[in-house]
Amino acid sequence: MTHSRYRLLIDDLHEAASSTWVVARTSSEAISLLELHGCPYEISFDHDLRADDTAMAVVKKLIETDLDSDGRFIPEDFKFFAHGANPAGKENIHLTLQSYLNQRATRH
């Protein structure tokens, strides 16, 4: 599977630090970008988005899509960061996604 070489910032308030980032304000917007352009090589997640929306929906979609593609959706050089004001949310993103990536690495 080919991967798009882009970086994704998921954040409902902040602008990207440079034009090398594509910005999604909601989880559904981020998921649409994943579906249209594939998995970016880097994602910066803000856990708390608008209203009841969180970036965990994107984390779950990444994992599901990678499992459905037999580990070929998320690139090998994938990097991610969790930022924002919710420490528990940041930790949840980090632990969920890093645990999956660690498990995937042992299968390959």
Protein backbone atom coordinates (compact mmCIF):
# COMPACT_ATOMS: atom_id res chain seq x y z
CA MET A 1 0.00 0.00 0.00
CA THR A 2 1.38 3.41 -0.88
CA HIS A 3 1.34 6.12 1.72
CA SER A 4 0.81 9.81 1.27
CA ARG A 5 3.64 11.88 2.62
CA TYR A 6 1.75 14.38 4.71
CA ARG A 7 1.49 15.40 8.34
CA LEU A 8 -1.86 15.69 10.10
CA LEU A 9 -2.69 18.04 12.97
CA ILE A 10 -5.96 17.19 14.70
CA ASP A 11 -6.89 20.22 16.80
CA ASP A 12 -10.09 22.24 17.12
CA LEU A 13 -8.38 25.49 18.14
CA HIS A 14 -4.75 25.81 17.14
CA GLU A 15 -3.19 26.49 13.78
CA ALA A 16 -0.35 24.44 12.37
CA ALA A 17 3.17 25.71 13.02
CA SER A 18 4.00 25.40 9.32
CA SER A 19 2.35 24.74 5.98
CA THR A 20 3.66 21.17 6.00
CA TRP A 21 0.71 20.18 8.21
CA VAL A 22 -2.86 19.45 7.09
CA VAL A 23 -5.33 20.53 9.81
CA ALA A 24 -8.49 18.68 10.82
CA ARG A 25 -10.81 20.32 13.36
CA THR A 26 -12.98 17.26 14.10
CA SER A 27 -12.50 13.52 14.26
CA SER A 28 -14.81 13.03 11.28
CA GLU A 29 -12.76 15.51 9.24
CA ALA A 30 -9.57 13.64 10.18
CA ILE A 31 -11.12 10.27 9.30
CA SER A 32 -12.22 11.66 5.91
CA LEU A 33 -8.62 12.73 5.25
CA LEU A 34 -7.39 9.23 6.16
CA GLU A 35 -9.91 7.70 3.78
CA LEU A 36 -9.06 10.10 0.93
CA HIS A 37 -5.29 10.36 1.27
CA GLY A 38 -4.18 7.34 3.29
CA CYS A 39 -2.28 7.41 6.52
CA PRO A 40 0.07 10.33 7.09
CA TYR A 41 3.57 9.65 8.32
CA GLU A 42 3.00 11.91 11.33
CA ILE A 43 -0.06 12.88 13.40
CA SER A 44 -0.35 15.35 16.26
CA PHE A 45 -3.51 14.61 18.26
CA ASP A 46 -5.42 17.01 20.49
CA HIS A 47 -7.64 14.71 22.55
CA ASP A 48 -10.53 17.09 23.27
CA LEU A 49 -12.15 18.47 20.14
CA ARG A 50 -15.54 20.18 19.77
CA ALA A 51 -18.43 19.26 22.07
CA ASP A 52 -18.28 15.50 22.81
CA ASP A 53 -15.82 14.81 19.98
CA THR A 54 -12.40 13.35 20.81
CA ALA A 55 -9.45 12.22 18.75
CA MET A 56 -9.88 8.67 20.11
CA ALA A 57 -12.27 8.07 17.20
CA VAL A 58 -9.32 8.68 14.86
CA VAL A 59 -7.05 6.38 16.88
CA LYS A 60 -9.65 3.61 16.66
CA LYS A 61 -10.07 4.18 12.89
CA LEU A 62 -6.29 4.04 12.36
CA ILE A 63 -6.04 0.73 14.22
CA GLU A 64 -9.10 -0.80 12.52
CA THR A 65 -7.89 0.20 9.06
CA ASP A 66 -4.40 -1.10 9.74
CA LEU A 67 -5.79 -4.42 10.98
CA ASP A 68 -8.06 -4.68 7.92
CA SER A 69 -5.06 -4.12 5.62
CA ASP A 70 -2.89 -6.70 7.38
CA GLY A 71 -0.66 -4.01 8.87
CA ARG A 72 -0.07 -2.05 5.68
CA PHE A 73 -2.06 1.14 6.38
CA ILE A 74 0.12 2.78 9.04
CA PRO A 75 3.60 3.41 7.59
CA GLU A 76 6.68 1.89 9.21
CA ASP A 77 8.14 5.37 9.90
CA PHE A 78 4.89 6.60 11.51
CA LYS A 79 5.25 9.12 14.33
CA PHE A 80 2.58 10.56 16.58
CA PHE A 81 2.22 13.00 19.43
CA ALA A 82 -0.61 13.81 21.80
CA HIS A 83 -0.99 17.39 22.94
CA GLY A 84 -3.61 19.48 24.69
CA ALA A 85 -4.89 20.30 28.14
CA ASN A 86 -6.33 16.88 29.05
CA PRO A 87 -3.53 14.75 30.59
CA ALA A 88 -5.70 11.62 30.85
CA GLY A 89 -6.83 12.01 27.24
CA LYS A 90 -3.25 12.46 26.01
CA GLU A 91 -2.17 9.37 27.92
CA ASN A 92 -5.11 7.36 26.56
CA ILE A 93 -4.15 8.24 22.97
CA HIS A 94 -0.50 7.45 23.58
CA LEU A 95 -1.09 4.15 25.38
CA THR A 96 -3.71 2.88 22.94
CA LEU A 97 -1.81 3.66 19.76
CA GLN A 98 1.66 2.78 21.09
CA SER A 99 0.40 -0.55 22.46
CA TYR A 100 -1.07 -1.41 19.07
CA LEU A 101 2.12 -0.41 17.23
CA ASN A 102 4.25 -2.45 19.65
CA GLN A 103 2.02 -5.48 19.15
CA ARG A 104 2.13 -5.01 15.36
CA ALA A 105 5.94 -4.85 15.43
CA THR A 106 6.11 -8.26 17.11
CA ARG A 107 3.94 -9.79 14.35
CA HIS A 108 6.15 -8.56 11.48
